[in-house]
Amino acid sequence: FSQSKINGEILIVDDNSPDRTIPLVNQLKKAKSNLNLLVRKTDHGLSQSVADGFIHASSEIFIVIDADLSHPPALIPIFYAEVNNGHNIVIGSRYMKGGGIKEWPFKRRVISLGATFLGRILFPTVSDPVSGFFAVKKSVVAEASLKPRGYKILLEVLGKGNWDKCKEIPFEFVDREIGSSKLKFKTIIEYARQVLDIVLFSISHPQSATWREWKKVFGV
């Protein structure tokens, strides 16, 4: 932040984990005045945590990034600049030219591509609508009726947020160095439910971003 002259808050959202995140962050806060911690003790889940972060964060621009070193923090200044240049949403894309995924097993690649395919049915102009690395203006989600579930919060933001300009930045996803994958069968079911919920929302809201995307590509 200091190198890029960004006056921002770092908000770590933790689902009351037992991995010493809480005492470590509290220790770091003594030296970092812009570091804050939100501990959630109920309704655990990645999407729920991000949505709660939207509510508690003090900034007008939110940048969502995993803390397991899968996403490159070096792109944060670029995301920030693109939002200030007029884009409502800036997405780190693994699937556009210049992006990629490093050291993923075949099964995870196939499942990720399947999830991305379903997401692109809703948003055909977005190459990676299920990315976990993105920036969004507060105004996009402030009045959105988000129903966060599972791990694909970006799809929820795209489907129900108030946005009209989106830009993607390529990046290489690096599998987590510490911990295990969040991918389980329950996650796949939750994702299918999320896609269905966004479809139903879009049908009942003809001015939604999903309809706008379909009209842009298919002329519906």
C-alpha atoms as a PDB file:
ATOM      1  CA  PHE A   1       0.000   0.000   0.000  1.00  0.00           C
ATOM      2  CA  SER A   2       2.698   2.466   0.979  1.00  0.00           C
ATOM      3  CA  GLN A   3       4.736   1.797  -2.187  1.00  0.00           C
ATOM      4  CA  SER A   4       1.663   2.395  -4.358  1.00  0.00           C
ATOM      5  CA  LYS A   5       0.445   5.333  -2.253  1.00  0.00           C
ATOM      6  CA  ILE A   6      -2.830   3.588  -1.475  1.00  0.00           C
ATOM      7  CA  ASN A   7      -4.499   4.749   1.717  1.00  0.00           C
ATOM      8  CA  GLY A   8      -6.394   1.570   2.443  1.00  0.00           C
ATOM      9  CA  GLU A   9      -7.567  -0.770   5.153  1.00  0.00           C
ATOM     10  CA  ILE A  10      -6.536  -4.426   5.376  1.00  0.00           C
ATOM     11  CA  LEU A  11      -9.465  -6.391   6.766  1.00  0.00           C
ATOM     12  CA  ILE A  12      -8.845 -10.039   7.611  1.00  0.00           C
ATOM     13  CA  VAL A  13     -12.062 -12.019   7.981  1.00  0.00           C
ATOM     14  CA  ASP A  14     -11.678 -15.166  10.067  1.00  0.00           C
ATOM     15  CA  ASP A  15     -14.307 -17.804  10.833  1.00  0.00           C
ATOM     16  CA  ASN A  16     -13.036 -18.279  14.388  1.00  0.00           C
ATOM     17  CA  SER A  17     -10.345 -20.678  13.136  1.00  0.00           C
ATOM     18  CA  PRO A  18      -8.074 -22.591  15.560  1.00  0.00           C
ATOM     19  CA  ASP A  19      -4.918 -21.984  13.480  1.00  0.00           C
ATOM     20  CA  ARG A  20      -3.625 -19.013  15.513  1.00  0.00           C
ATOM     21  CA  THR A  21      -4.773 -16.488  12.915  1.00  0.00           C
ATOM     22  CA  ILE A  22      -6.494 -14.387  15.565  1.00  0.00           C
ATOM     23  CA  PRO A  23      -3.553 -13.949  17.988  1.00  0.00           C
ATOM     24  CA  LEU A  24      -1.145 -13.447  15.088  1.00  0.00           C
ATOM     25  CA  VAL A  25      -3.257 -10.677  13.537  1.00  0.00           C
ATOM     26  CA  ASN A  26      -3.772  -9.039  16.926  1.00  0.00           C
ATOM     27  CA  GLN A  27       0.004  -8.977  17.345  1.00  0.00           C
ATOM     28  CA  LEU A  28       0.529  -7.485  13.872  1.00  0.00           C
ATOM     29  CA  LYS A  29      -2.097  -4.809  14.538  1.00  0.00           C
ATOM     30  CA  LYS A  30       0.261  -3.210  17.048  1.00  0.00           C
ATOM     31  CA  ALA A  31       2.563  -2.215  14.183  1.00  0.00           C
ATOM     32  CA  LYS A  32      -0.043  -1.811  11.416  1.00  0.00           C
ATOM     33  CA  SER A  33      -2.652   0.840  12.140  1.00  0.00           C
ATOM     34  CA  ASN A  34      -4.601  -0.005   8.959  1.00  0.00           C
ATOM     35  CA  LEU A  35      -4.927  -3.710   9.818  1.00  0.00           C
ATOM     36  CA  ASN A  36      -8.259  -4.876  11.205  1.00  0.00           C
ATOM     37  CA  LEU A  37      -9.736  -8.252  12.099  1.00  0.00           C
ATOM     38  CA  LEU A  38     -13.317  -9.473  11.804  1.00  0.00           C
ATOM     39  CA  VAL A  39     -13.983 -12.735  13.660  1.00  0.00           C
ATOM     40  CA  ARG A  40     -17.160 -14.583  12.678  1.00  0.00           C
ATOM     41  CA  LYS A  41     -18.486 -17.250  15.047  1.00  0.00           C
ATOM     42  CA  THR A  42     -21.607 -18.324  13.121  1.00  0.00           C
ATOM     43  CA  ASP A  43     -22.701 -18.991   9.527  1.00  0.00           C
ATOM     44  CA  HIS A  44     -19.224 -20.031   8.455  1.00  0.00           C
ATOM     45  CA  GLY A  45     -18.206 -20.126   4.792  1.00  0.00           C
ATOM     46  CA  LEU A  46     -15.974 -18.283   2.366  1.00  0.00           C
ATOM     47  CA  SER A  47     -18.742 -16.448   0.506  1.00  0.00           C
ATOM     48  CA  GLN A  48     -20.462 -15.532   3.753  1.00  0.00           C
ATOM     49  CA  SER A  49     -17.166 -14.204   5.100  1.00  0.00           C
ATOM     50  CA  VAL A  50     -16.566 -12.025   2.044  1.00  0.00           C
ATOM     51  CA  ALA A  51     -20.126 -10.677   2.132  1.00  0.00           C
ATOM     52  CA  ASP A  52     -19.693  -9.850   5.822  1.00  0.00           C
ATOM     53  CA  GLY A  53     -16.417  -8.146   4.954  1.00  0.00           C
ATOM     54  CA  PHE A  54     -18.278  -5.944   2.469  1.00  0.00           C
ATOM     55  CA  ILE A  55     -20.512  -4.763   5.312  1.00  0.00           C
ATOM     56  CA  HIS A  56     -17.733  -4.059   7.806  1.00  0.00           C
ATOM     57  CA  ALA A  57     -15.004  -2.682   5.520  1.00  0.00           C
ATOM     58  CA  SER A  58     -14.551   1.090   5.606  1.00  0.00           C
ATOM     59  CA  SER A  59     -13.294   1.629   2.043  1.00  0.00           C
ATOM     60  CA  GLU A  60     -15.183   2.559  -1.131  1.00  0.00           C
ATOM     61  CA  ILE A  61     -13.250  -0.057  -3.117  1.00  0.00           C
ATOM     62  CA  PHE A  62     -13.075  -3.683  -1.988  1.00  0.00           C
ATOM     63  CA  ILE A  63     -10.330  -6.040  -3.165  1.00  0.00           C
ATOM     64  CA  VAL A  64     -10.949  -9.700  -2.353  1.00  0.00           C
ATOM     65  CA  ILE A  65      -7.842 -11.874  -2.105  1.00  0.00           C
ATOM     66  CA  ASP A  66      -7.076 -15.260  -0.559  1.00  0.00           C
ATOM     67  CA  ALA A  67      -4.629 -15.262   2.331  1.00  0.00           C
ATOM     68  CA  ASP A  68      -3.038 -18.586   1.311  1.00  0.00           C
ATOM     69  CA  LEU A  69      -0.682 -17.047  -1.292  1.00  0.00           C
ATOM     70  CA  SER A  70      -2.741 -18.342  -4.240  1.00  0.00           C
ATOM     71  CA  HIS A  71      -3.328 -14.798  -5.515  1.00  0.00           C
ATOM     72  CA  PRO A  72      -0.484 -12.342  -6.263  1.00  0.00           C
ATOM     73  CA  PRO A  73      -0.700  -9.219  -4.038  1.00  0.00           C
ATOM     74  CA  ALA A  74       1.437  -7.390  -6.633  1.00  0.00           C
ATOM     75  CA  LEU A  75      -1.708  -6.972  -8.767  1.00  0.00           C
ATOM     76  CA  ILE A  76      -3.570  -5.029  -6.068  1.00  0.00           C
ATOM     77  CA  PRO A  77      -2.325  -1.594  -7.281  1.00  0.00           C
ATOM     78  CA  ILE A  78      -3.394  -2.493 -10.842  1.00  0.00           C
ATOM     79  CA  PHE A  79      -6.866  -3.536  -9.679  1.00  0.00           C
ATOM     80  CA  TYR A  80      -7.146  -0.346  -7.643  1.00  0.00           C
ATOM     81  CA  ALA A  81      -6.114   1.826 -10.589  1.00  0.00           C
ATOM     82  CA  GLU A  82      -8.575   0.137 -12.963  1.00  0.00           C
ATOM     83  CA  VAL A  83     -11.481   0.691 -10.575  1.00  0.00           C
ATOM     84  CA  ASN A  84     -10.499   4.345 -10.283  1.00  0.00           C
ATOM     85  CA  ASN A  85     -10.402   4.481 -14.090  1.00  0.00           C
ATOM     86  CA  GLY A  86     -14.118   3.724 -14.238  1.00  0.00           C
ATOM     87  CA  HIS A  87     -14.545  -0.046 -13.982  1.00  0.00           C
ATOM     88  CA  ASN A  88     -17.099  -1.241 -11.417  1.00  0.00           C
ATOM     89  CA  ILE A  89     -15.511  -4.690 -11.190  1.00  0.00           C
ATOM     90  CA  VAL A  90     -11.957  -5.847 -11.942  1.00  0.00           C
ATOM     91  CA  ILE A  91     -11.373  -9.605 -12.068  1.00  0.00           C
ATOM     92  CA  GLY A  92      -8.173 -11.602 -11.869  1.00  0.00           C
ATOM     93  CA  SER A  93      -8.632 -14.180 -14.633  1.00  0.00           C
ATOM     94  CA  ARG A  94      -6.983 -17.587 -14.854  1.00  0.00           C
ATOM     95  CA  TYR A  95      -8.548 -18.328 -18.227  1.00  0.00           C
ATOM     96  CA  MET A  96      -7.726 -15.362 -20.436  1.00  0.00           C
ATOM     97  CA  LYS A  97      -4.515 -15.035 -22.442  1.00  0.00           C
ATOM     98  CA  GLY A  98      -1.628 -14.570 -20.014  1.00  0.00           C
ATOM     99  CA  GLY A  99      -3.390 -16.322 -17.136  1.00  0.00           C
ATOM    100  CA  GLY A 100      -3.088 -19.876 -15.915  1.00  0.00           C
ATOM    101  CA  ILE A 101      -3.147 -22.400 -13.097  1.00  0.00           C
ATOM    102  CA  LYS A 102       0.025 -23.842 -11.634  1.00  0.00           C
ATOM    103  CA  GLU A 103       0.374 -27.342 -10.166  1.00  0.00           C
ATOM    104  CA  TRP A 104      -3.282 -28.346 -10.055  1.00  0.00           C
ATOM    105  CA  PRO A 105      -4.235 -32.046 -10.298  1.00  0.00           C
ATOM    106  CA  PHE A 106      -6.283 -33.125 -13.317  1.00  0.00           C
ATOM    107  CA  LYS A 107      -9.494 -33.625 -11.283  1.00  0.00           C
ATOM    108  CA  ARG A 108      -9.453 -30.080  -9.915  1.00  0.00           C
ATOM    109  CA  ARG A 109      -8.781 -28.648 -13.365  1.00  0.00           C
ATOM    110  CA  VAL A 110     -11.762 -30.498 -14.829  1.00  0.00           C
ATOM    111  CA  ILE A 111     -14.105 -29.410 -12.021  1.00  0.00           C
ATOM    112  CA  SER A 112     -12.879 -25.813 -12.240  1.00  0.00           C
ATOM    113  CA  LEU A 113     -13.423 -25.748 -16.002  1.00  0.00           C
ATOM    114  CA  GLY A 114     -16.926 -27.166 -15.507  1.00  0.00           C
ATOM    115  CA  ALA A 115     -17.781 -24.497 -12.933  1.00  0.00           C
ATOM    116  CA  THR A 116     -16.370 -21.806 -15.207  1.00  0.00           C
ATOM    117  CA  PHE A 117     -18.412 -23.125 -18.153  1.00  0.00           C
ATOM    118  CA  LEU A 118     -21.642 -22.844 -16.145  1.00  0.00           C
ATOM    119  CA  GLY A 119     -20.667 -19.370 -14.977  1.00  0.00           C
ATOM    120  CA  ARG A 120     -19.975 -18.263 -18.535  1.00  0.00           C
ATOM    121  CA  ILE A 121     -23.470 -19.307 -19.572  1.00  0.00           C
ATOM    122  CA  LEU A 122     -24.650 -16.565 -17.219  1.00  0.00           C
ATOM    123  CA  PHE A 123     -21.858 -14.109 -18.121  1.00  0.00           C
ATOM    124  CA  PRO A 124     -20.522 -15.008 -21.588  1.00  0.00           C
ATOM    125  CA  THR A 125     -18.238 -11.965 -21.847  1.00  0.00           C
ATOM    126  CA  VAL A 126     -16.384 -12.816 -18.613  1.00  0.00           C
ATOM    127  CA  SER A 127     -13.626 -15.426 -18.970  1.00  0.00           C
ATOM    128  CA  ASP A 128     -13.396 -16.278 -15.247  1.00  0.00           C
ATOM    129  CA  PRO A 129     -16.702 -15.506 -13.480  1.00  0.00           C
ATOM    130  CA  VAL A 130     -15.819 -17.793 -10.566  1.00  0.00           C
ATOM    131  CA  SER A 131     -12.453 -16.232  -9.736  1.00  0.00           C
ATOM    132  CA  GLY A 132     -11.742 -15.622  -6.063  1.00  0.00           C
ATOM    133  CA  PHE A 133      -9.495 -12.634  -6.805  1.00  0.00           C
ATOM    134  CA  PHE A 134     -11.314  -9.427  -7.732  1.00  0.00           C
ATOM    135  CA  ALA A 135     -11.973  -5.777  -6.946  1.00  0.00           C
ATOM    136  CA  VAL A 136     -15.400  -4.196  -6.727  1.00  0.00           C
ATOM    137  CA  LYS A 137     -16.794  -0.779  -5.903  1.00  0.00           C
ATOM    138  CA  LYS A 138     -18.801  -0.558  -2.708  1.00  0.00           C
ATOM    139  CA  SER A 139     -21.727   0.853  -4.702  1.00  0.00           C
ATOM    140  CA  VAL A 140     -21.982  -2.416  -6.665  1.00  0.00           C
ATOM    141  CA  VAL A 141     -22.840  -4.507  -3.611  1.00  0.00           C
ATOM    142  CA  ALA A 142     -24.263  -1.907  -1.207  1.00  0.00           C
ATOM    143  CA  GLU A 143     -27.883  -2.529  -2.219  1.00  0.00           C
ATOM    144  CA  ALA A 144     -27.476  -6.006  -3.707  1.00  0.00           C
ATOM    145  CA  SER A 145     -29.619  -8.864  -2.386  1.00  0.00           C
ATOM    146  CA  LEU A 146     -26.692 -11.228  -1.969  1.00  0.00           C
ATOM    147  CA  LYS A 147     -27.355 -14.779  -0.768  1.00  0.00           C
ATOM    148  CA  PRO A 148     -23.794 -15.964  -0.210  1.00  0.00           C
ATOM    149  CA  ARG A 149     -23.194 -19.698  -0.135  1.00  0.00           C
ATOM    150  CA  GLY A 150     -20.253 -21.900  -0.991  1.00  0.00           C
ATOM    151  CA  TYR A 151     -17.083 -20.389  -2.403  1.00  0.00           C
ATOM    152  CA  LYS A 152     -18.043 -18.471  -5.564  1.00  0.00           C
ATOM    153  CA  ILE A 153     -18.944 -15.041  -4.208  1.00  0.00           C
ATOM    154  CA  LEU A 154     -17.922 -13.306  -7.446  1.00  0.00           C
ATOM    155  CA  LEU A 155     -20.706 -15.074  -9.358  1.00  0.00           C
ATOM    156  CA  GLU A 156     -23.182 -13.705  -6.801  1.00  0.00           C
ATOM    157  CA  VAL A 157     -21.774 -10.185  -7.188  1.00  0.00           C
ATOM    158  CA  LEU A 158     -21.939 -10.377 -10.987  1.00  0.00           C
ATOM    159  CA  GLY A 159     -25.483 -11.739 -10.913  1.00  0.00           C
ATOM    160  CA  LYS A 160     -27.010  -9.385  -8.364  1.00  0.00           C
ATOM    161  CA  GLY A 161     -24.692  -6.396  -8.144  1.00  0.00           C
ATOM    162  CA  ASN A 162     -25.243  -2.978  -9.716  1.00  0.00           C
ATOM    163  CA  TRP A 163     -22.469  -2.805 -12.331  1.00  0.00           C
ATOM    164  CA  ASP A 164     -21.971  -2.027 -16.008  1.00  0.00           C
ATOM    165  CA  LYS A 165     -18.203  -1.984 -16.619  1.00  0.00           C
ATOM    166  CA  CYS A 166     -15.982  -4.987 -15.952  1.00  0.00           C
ATOM    167  CA  LYS A 167     -12.312  -5.544 -16.759  1.00  0.00           C
ATOM    168  CA  GLU A 168     -10.227  -8.702 -16.451  1.00  0.00           C
ATOM    169  CA  ILE A 169      -6.525  -8.913 -15.643  1.00  0.00           C
ATOM    170  CA  PRO A 170      -4.664 -12.195 -16.318  1.00  0.00           C
ATOM    171  CA  PHE A 171      -2.837 -13.909 -13.469  1.00  0.00           C
ATOM    172  CA  GLU A 172      -1.390 -17.318 -12.692  1.00  0.00           C
ATOM    173  CA  PHE A 173      -3.142 -19.103  -9.857  1.00  0.00           C
ATOM    174  CA  VAL A 174      -0.686 -20.916  -7.579  1.00  0.00           C
ATOM    175  CA  ASP A 175      -2.048 -23.757  -5.462  1.00  0.00           C
ATOM    176  CA  ARG A 176      -1.974 -23.030  -1.740  1.00  0.00           C
ATOM    177  CA  GLU A 177       1.303 -23.580   0.062  1.00  0.00           C
ATOM    178  CA  ILE A 178      -0.313 -24.345   3.414  1.00  0.00           C
ATOM    179  CA  GLY A 179      -3.622 -26.080   4.154  1.00  0.00           C
ATOM    180  CA  SER A 180      -5.969 -28.189   2.060  1.00  0.00           C
ATOM    181  CA  SER A 181      -8.364 -27.546  -0.795  1.00  0.00           C
ATOM    182  CA  LYS A 182     -11.933 -26.446  -0.021  1.00  0.00           C
ATOM    183  CA  LEU A 183     -13.304 -28.643  -2.847  1.00  0.00           C
ATOM    184  CA  LYS A 184     -15.862 -31.220  -1.651  1.00  0.00           C
ATOM    185  CA  PHE A 185     -18.985 -32.821  -3.155  1.00  0.00           C
ATOM    186  CA  LYS A 186     -21.119 -30.507  -0.999  1.00  0.00           C
ATOM    187  CA  THR A 187     -19.339 -27.560  -2.618  1.00  0.00           C
ATOM    188  CA  ILE A 188     -20.412 -28.727  -6.085  1.00  0.00           C
ATOM    189  CA  ILE A 189     -24.054 -29.038  -4.960  1.00  0.00           C
ATOM    190  CA  GLU A 190     -23.953 -25.557  -3.393  1.00  0.00           C
ATOM    191  CA  TYR A 191     -22.545 -24.139  -6.613  1.00  0.00           C
ATOM    192  CA  ALA A 192     -25.343 -25.706  -8.686  1.00  0.00           C
ATOM    193  CA  ARG A 193     -27.891 -24.192  -6.290  1.00  0.00           C
ATOM    194  CA  GLN A 194     -26.188 -20.817  -6.589  1.00  0.00           C
ATOM    195  CA  VAL A 195     -26.331 -20.886 -10.402  1.00  0.00           C
ATOM    196  CA  LEU A 196     -30.032 -21.799 -10.275  1.00  0.00           C
ATOM    197  CA  ASP A 197     -30.715 -19.003  -7.777  1.00  0.00           C
ATOM    198  CA  ILE A 198     -29.037 -16.432 -10.038  1.00  0.00           C
ATOM    199  CA  VAL A 199     -31.015 -17.688 -13.045  1.00  0.00           C
ATOM    200  CA  LEU A 200     -34.280 -17.311 -11.112  1.00  0.00           C
ATOM    201  CA  PHE A 201     -33.205 -13.874  -9.858  1.00  0.00           C
ATOM    202  CA  SER A 202     -32.401 -12.784 -13.410  1.00  0.00           C
ATOM    203  CA  ILE A 203     -35.771 -13.976 -14.737  1.00  0.00           C
ATOM    204  CA  SER A 204     -37.563 -11.878 -12.122  1.00  0.00           C
ATOM    205  CA  HIS A 205     -35.236  -8.878 -12.631  1.00  0.00           C
ATOM    206  CA  PRO A 206     -35.085  -8.016 -16.370  1.00  0.00           C
ATOM    207  CA  GLN A 207     -32.691  -5.128 -15.669  1.00  0.00           C
ATOM    208  CA  SER A 208     -30.111  -7.399 -14.048  1.00  0.00           C
ATOM    209  CA  ALA A 209     -26.547  -7.697 -15.313  1.00  0.00           C
ATOM    210  CA  THR A 210     -27.254 -11.255 -16.449  1.00  0.00           C
ATOM    211  CA  TRP A 211     -29.969 -10.086 -18.850  1.00  0.00           C
ATOM    212  CA  ARG A 212     -27.682  -7.324 -20.084  1.00  0.00           C
ATOM    213  CA  GLU A 213     -24.944  -9.858 -20.796  1.00  0.00           C
ATOM    214  CA  TRP A 214     -27.335 -12.165 -22.650  1.00  0.00           C
ATOM    215  CA  LYS A 215     -28.680  -9.284 -24.747  1.00  0.00           C
ATOM    216  CA  LYS A 216     -25.149  -8.179 -25.576  1.00  0.00           C
ATOM    217  CA  VAL A 217     -24.117 -11.608 -26.844  1.00  0.00           C
ATOM    218  CA  PHE A 218     -27.310 -13.355 -27.939  1.00  0.00           C
ATOM    219  CA  GLY A 219     -29.618 -10.411 -28.658  1.00  0.00           C
ATOM    220  CA  VAL A 220     -32.348 -11.852 -26.412  1.00  0.00           C
END
